N, C-alpha and C. Protein backbone atom coordinates (compact mmCIF):
# COMPACT_ATOMS: atom_id res chain seq x y z
N MET A 1 103.20 17.78 -26.23
CA MET A 1 103.60 17.03 -27.70
C MET A 1 104.69 17.97 -28.56
N LYS A 2 104.47 19.09 -28.31
CA LYS A 2 105.39 19.96 -28.99
C LYS A 2 106.75 19.85 -28.58
N ARG A 3 106.78 19.89 -26.90
CA ARG A 3 107.87 19.77 -26.60
C ARG A 3 108.58 18.39 -26.68
N SER A 4 107.91 17.15 -26.88
CA SER A 4 108.34 15.93 -27.40
C SER A 4 109.41 15.86 -28.56
N ILE A 5 108.33 16.71 -29.68
CA ILE A 5 109.26 16.70 -31.20
C ILE A 5 110.54 17.30 -31.02
N LEU A 6 109.98 18.76 -30.18
CA LEU A 6 111.56 19.45 -30.23
C LEU A 6 112.55 18.31 -29.81
N ILE A 7 112.30 17.85 -28.45
CA ILE A 7 113.47 16.85 -27.63
C ILE A 7 113.90 16.31 -28.47
N ALA A 8 113.05 15.25 -29.59
CA ALA A 8 113.31 14.57 -30.52
C ALA A 8 114.10 15.02 -31.53
N LEU A 9 113.88 16.14 -32.05
CA LEU A 9 114.71 16.72 -32.84
C LEU A 9 116.12 17.18 -32.60
N LEU A 10 116.28 17.90 -31.19
CA LEU A 10 117.40 18.07 -30.67
C LEU A 10 118.44 17.27 -30.58
N VAL A 11 117.99 15.88 -29.99
CA VAL A 11 118.68 14.95 -30.23
C VAL A 11 119.03 14.37 -31.53
N LEU A 12 118.20 14.09 -32.19
CA LEU A 12 118.87 13.94 -33.88
C LEU A 12 120.09 14.84 -34.27
N ILE A 13 119.75 16.23 -33.90
CA ILE A 13 120.68 17.11 -34.24
C ILE A 13 121.99 16.63 -33.94
N VAL A 14 121.97 16.58 -32.34
CA VAL A 14 123.20 16.07 -31.90
C VAL A 14 124.03 15.04 -32.23
N ALA A 15 123.00 13.86 -32.14
CA ALA A 15 123.73 12.89 -32.78
C ALA A 15 123.99 12.94 -34.26
N GLY A 16 123.68 13.95 -35.14
CA GLY A 16 124.41 13.83 -36.38
C GLY A 16 125.72 14.73 -36.20
N MET A 17 125.78 15.93 -35.30
CA MET A 17 126.92 16.34 -35.00
C MET A 17 128.17 15.58 -34.58
N VAL A 18 127.88 14.67 -33.66
CA VAL A 18 128.87 13.75 -32.81
C VAL A 18 129.16 12.86 -34.18
N GLY A 19 128.33 12.05 -34.58
CA GLY A 19 128.82 11.58 -36.22
C GLY A 19 129.59 12.22 -36.87
N THR A 20 129.18 13.18 -37.47
CA THR A 20 130.04 14.16 -38.11
C THR A 20 131.34 14.37 -37.76
N VAL A 21 131.71 14.55 -36.43
CA VAL A 21 132.82 14.64 -35.80
C VAL A 21 133.85 13.51 -35.64
N ALA A 22 133.14 12.31 -35.52
CA ALA A 22 134.00 10.98 -35.65
C ALA A 22 134.04 10.91 -36.89
N ALA A 23 133.31 11.22 -37.78
CA ALA A 23 133.74 10.96 -39.01
C ALA A 23 134.98 11.47 -39.46
N GLU A 24 135.25 12.39 -38.86
CA GLU A 24 136.61 13.33 -39.55
C GLU A 24 137.99 12.68 -38.86
N CYS A 25 138.22 12.05 -37.80
CA CYS A 25 138.82 11.23 -37.07
C CYS A 25 139.18 9.95 -38.03
N ALA A 26 140.26 9.92 -38.79
CA ALA A 26 140.57 8.64 -39.28
C ALA A 26 141.38 7.55 -38.24
N CYS A 27 141.38 6.33 -38.28
CA CYS A 27 142.07 5.50 -37.50
C CYS A 27 143.65 5.38 -37.98
N PRO A 28 144.33 5.65 -36.97
CA PRO A 28 145.83 6.13 -37.26
C PRO A 28 146.54 4.29 -37.83
N SER A 29 147.61 4.39 -38.55
CA SER A 29 148.15 2.91 -39.06
C SER A 29 149.56 2.63 -38.49
N GLU A 30 149.81 4.05 -37.82
CA GLU A 30 150.93 4.03 -37.15
C GLU A 30 150.86 5.12 -36.17
N ILE A 31 152.22 5.15 -35.19
CA ILE A 31 152.12 6.27 -33.94
C ILE A 31 153.30 7.47 -34.48
N PRO A 32 152.84 8.80 -34.48
CA PRO A 32 153.58 9.73 -35.22
C PRO A 32 154.88 9.86 -34.29
N ASP A 33 155.54 10.94 -35.10
CA ASP A 33 156.38 11.19 -34.29
C ASP A 33 155.67 12.46 -33.63
N GLY A 34 156.80 13.02 -32.58
CA GLY A 34 156.07 14.13 -31.44
C GLY A 34 155.34 14.15 -30.90
N LEU A 35 155.28 12.77 -30.22
CA LEU A 35 153.64 12.15 -29.40
C LEU A 35 153.59 13.06 -28.27
N LEU A 36 152.36 13.20 -27.88
CA LEU A 36 151.74 14.11 -26.89
C LEU A 36 152.64 13.66 -25.14
N SER A 37 152.31 12.09 -25.25
CA SER A 37 152.59 11.97 -23.73
C SER A 37 152.78 9.86 -24.33
N THR A 38 153.43 9.76 -23.81
CA THR A 38 153.99 7.87 -23.56
C THR A 38 153.84 7.44 -22.01
N THR A 39 153.11 6.11 -21.90
CA THR A 39 153.14 5.79 -20.56
C THR A 39 152.93 4.44 -20.27
N ASP A 40 153.67 3.29 -19.28
CA ASP A 40 153.53 1.85 -19.28
C ASP A 40 152.00 1.70 -19.43
N LEU A 41 151.91 0.61 -19.86
CA LEU A 41 150.42 -0.14 -20.00
C LEU A 41 150.64 -1.23 -18.60
N LEU A 42 150.04 -1.21 -17.68
CA LEU A 42 150.21 -1.80 -16.47
C LEU A 42 148.80 -2.84 -16.33
N ALA A 43 149.18 -4.09 -16.23
CA ALA A 43 148.42 -5.31 -15.54
C ALA A 43 148.31 -5.27 -14.34
N GLY A 44 147.38 -5.52 -13.36
CA GLY A 44 147.56 -5.86 -12.21
C GLY A 44 148.15 -4.78 -11.57
N GLN A 45 147.85 -3.39 -11.94
CA GLN A 45 148.67 -2.30 -11.15
C GLN A 45 149.88 -2.47 -11.34
N SER A 46 150.82 -3.19 -11.54
CA SER A 46 152.49 -3.29 -11.44
C SER A 46 153.00 -4.04 -12.67
N ILE A 47 152.39 -4.62 -13.42
CA ILE A 47 153.20 -5.21 -14.16
C ILE A 47 153.15 -4.78 -15.67
N ASP A 48 154.42 -4.36 -16.35
CA ASP A 48 154.40 -3.41 -17.52
C ASP A 48 154.24 -4.46 -18.25
N VAL A 49 153.16 -4.28 -19.59
CA VAL A 49 153.30 -5.47 -20.33
C VAL A 49 153.04 -4.32 -21.54
N GLY A 50 153.58 -3.40 -21.78
CA GLY A 50 153.57 -2.61 -22.97
C GLY A 50 153.62 -0.89 -22.56
N ASP A 51 153.18 -0.33 -23.51
CA ASP A 51 152.85 0.83 -23.54
C ASP A 51 151.41 1.64 -24.12
N ILE A 52 151.32 2.97 -23.66
CA ILE A 52 150.12 3.68 -24.31
C ILE A 52 150.62 4.97 -24.51
N TYR A 53 150.16 5.39 -25.92
CA TYR A 53 150.44 6.84 -26.60
C TYR A 53 149.14 7.51 -26.79
N VAL A 54 149.50 8.76 -26.50
CA VAL A 54 148.73 9.99 -26.56
C VAL A 54 149.15 11.28 -27.34
N TRP A 55 148.20 11.33 -28.46
CA TRP A 55 148.82 12.34 -29.36
C TRP A 55 147.36 12.83 -29.63
N ASN A 56 147.46 14.31 -30.50
CA ASN A 56 146.21 14.73 -30.64
C ASN A 56 146.79 15.96 -32.38
N ASP A 57 145.52 15.97 -32.84
CA ASP A 57 145.65 16.76 -34.13
C ASP A 57 145.22 17.81 -33.97
N ALA A 58 144.63 18.69 -34.97
CA ALA A 58 144.03 19.69 -35.16
C ALA A 58 142.65 19.53 -34.55
N THR A 59 142.22 18.19 -34.66
CA THR A 59 140.51 17.86 -34.25
C THR A 59 140.19 16.75 -33.72
N CYS A 60 141.29 15.98 -33.63
CA CYS A 60 141.38 14.59 -32.85
C CYS A 60 142.24 14.13 -32.20
N MET A 61 142.07 13.40 -31.07
CA MET A 61 142.92 13.03 -30.11
C MET A 61 143.12 11.47 -29.98
N TYR A 62 144.19 10.73 -30.09
CA TYR A 62 144.13 9.75 -30.31
C TYR A 62 144.93 9.11 -28.99
N VAL A 63 144.39 7.72 -28.78
CA VAL A 63 145.20 6.62 -27.74
C VAL A 63 145.11 5.31 -28.37
N TRP A 64 146.52 4.79 -28.17
CA TRP A 64 147.22 3.63 -28.67
C TRP A 64 147.86 2.81 -27.63
N TYR A 65 146.96 1.77 -27.86
CA TYR A 65 147.65 0.89 -26.39
C TYR A 65 148.21 -0.19 -27.32
N ASP A 66 149.73 -0.24 -26.95
CA ASP A 66 150.58 -1.31 -27.46
C ASP A 66 151.02 -2.68 -26.55
N LEU A 67 150.92 -3.76 -26.83
CA LEU A 67 151.07 -4.74 -25.92
C LEU A 67 152.89 -5.22 -26.45
N ALA A 68 153.34 -4.98 -25.50
CA ALA A 68 155.00 -5.85 -25.64
C ALA A 68 154.46 -7.17 -26.68
N ASP A 69 155.79 -7.36 -27.40
CA ASP A 69 155.56 -8.84 -28.09
C ASP A 69 155.96 -9.68 -27.48
N ASP A 70 156.89 -10.09 -26.33
CA ASP A 70 157.10 -10.83 -25.56
C ASP A 70 156.24 -11.18 -23.71
N THR A 71 155.31 -10.93 -24.21
CA THR A 71 153.93 -10.73 -23.31
C THR A 71 153.11 -11.53 -23.46
N ASP A 72 152.71 -12.39 -22.49
CA ASP A 72 151.60 -13.42 -22.78
C ASP A 72 149.95 -13.00 -22.40
N TRP A 73 150.21 -11.54 -22.17
CA TRP A 73 149.09 -10.70 -21.77
C TRP A 73 148.21 -10.10 -23.45
N TYR A 74 146.91 -9.97 -22.86
CA TYR A 74 146.20 -9.59 -24.17
C TYR A 74 145.22 -8.80 -23.38
N LEU A 75 144.35 -7.67 -24.15
CA LEU A 75 143.10 -6.86 -23.96
C LEU A 75 141.92 -7.54 -23.93
N THR A 76 141.47 -7.75 -23.33
CA THR A 76 139.68 -7.72 -23.33
C THR A 76 138.61 -6.67 -22.96
N GLU A 77 139.25 -5.72 -22.11
CA GLU A 77 138.79 -4.59 -22.00
C GLU A 77 139.51 -3.29 -21.49
N THR A 78 138.87 -2.21 -22.06
CA THR A 78 139.70 -0.87 -21.50
C THR A 78 138.69 -0.13 -20.89
N HIS A 79 139.07 0.69 -20.32
CA HIS A 79 138.42 2.08 -19.71
C HIS A 79 139.08 3.47 -20.05
N LEU A 80 138.45 4.26 -20.75
CA LEU A 80 139.35 5.51 -20.70
C LEU A 80 138.39 6.58 -20.34
N ASP A 81 138.89 7.50 -19.90
CA ASP A 81 137.90 8.86 -19.37
C ASP A 81 138.81 9.76 -19.38
N VAL A 82 138.49 10.91 -20.65
CA VAL A 82 139.09 12.27 -20.88
C VAL A 82 138.17 13.64 -20.15
N GLU A 83 139.13 14.02 -19.45
CA GLU A 83 138.67 15.11 -18.64
C GLU A 83 139.85 16.28 -18.56
N CYS A 84 139.44 17.17 -18.59
CA CYS A 84 140.30 18.76 -18.59
C CYS A 84 141.29 18.59 -17.28
N SER A 85 140.52 17.86 -16.25
CA SER A 85 141.69 17.77 -14.69
C SER A 85 141.53 16.64 -14.28
N VAL A 86 142.68 16.00 -13.65
CA VAL A 86 142.57 14.71 -13.19
C VAL A 86 141.55 14.66 -11.96
N GLY A 87 141.31 15.80 -11.17
CA GLY A 87 140.53 15.53 -10.21
C GLY A 87 139.31 15.26 -10.83
N ASP A 88 138.75 15.58 -12.22
CA ASP A 88 137.39 15.16 -12.60
C ASP A 88 137.35 13.69 -12.91
N ILE A 89 138.37 13.08 -13.02
CA ILE A 89 138.26 11.23 -13.34
C ILE A 89 137.71 10.57 -12.16
N PRO A 90 136.47 10.14 -12.29
CA PRO A 90 136.10 9.29 -11.36
C PRO A 90 136.74 8.26 -10.75
C-alpha cells in the first residue's frame, strides 16, 4: 500500500516538473536569426515541399515546419524524435 502511494506521488511530481518546463517555452511567432539547422521538408522521401528549421535558446528546442507557398501538400501528421546520437533514433 505504501509503495503504491509512493509511486503515485512520484508520478505526480514528475508530471508537475514536465508541465513546468513546457510552460517556460512559448510558441515562436517567427523564425529567429542564427538558426541551428535548416533542412528540406520532403514528401515521399524525395519531393521538396518546404523547409524544417531547428533552433534552441537557453531552455528550449524549437522545430518549425514551413511548407512552400507554391505546393499543394499539407501536413496531417509528423513524427519527431530528439536524441543525442543519430544511432539512437529508431
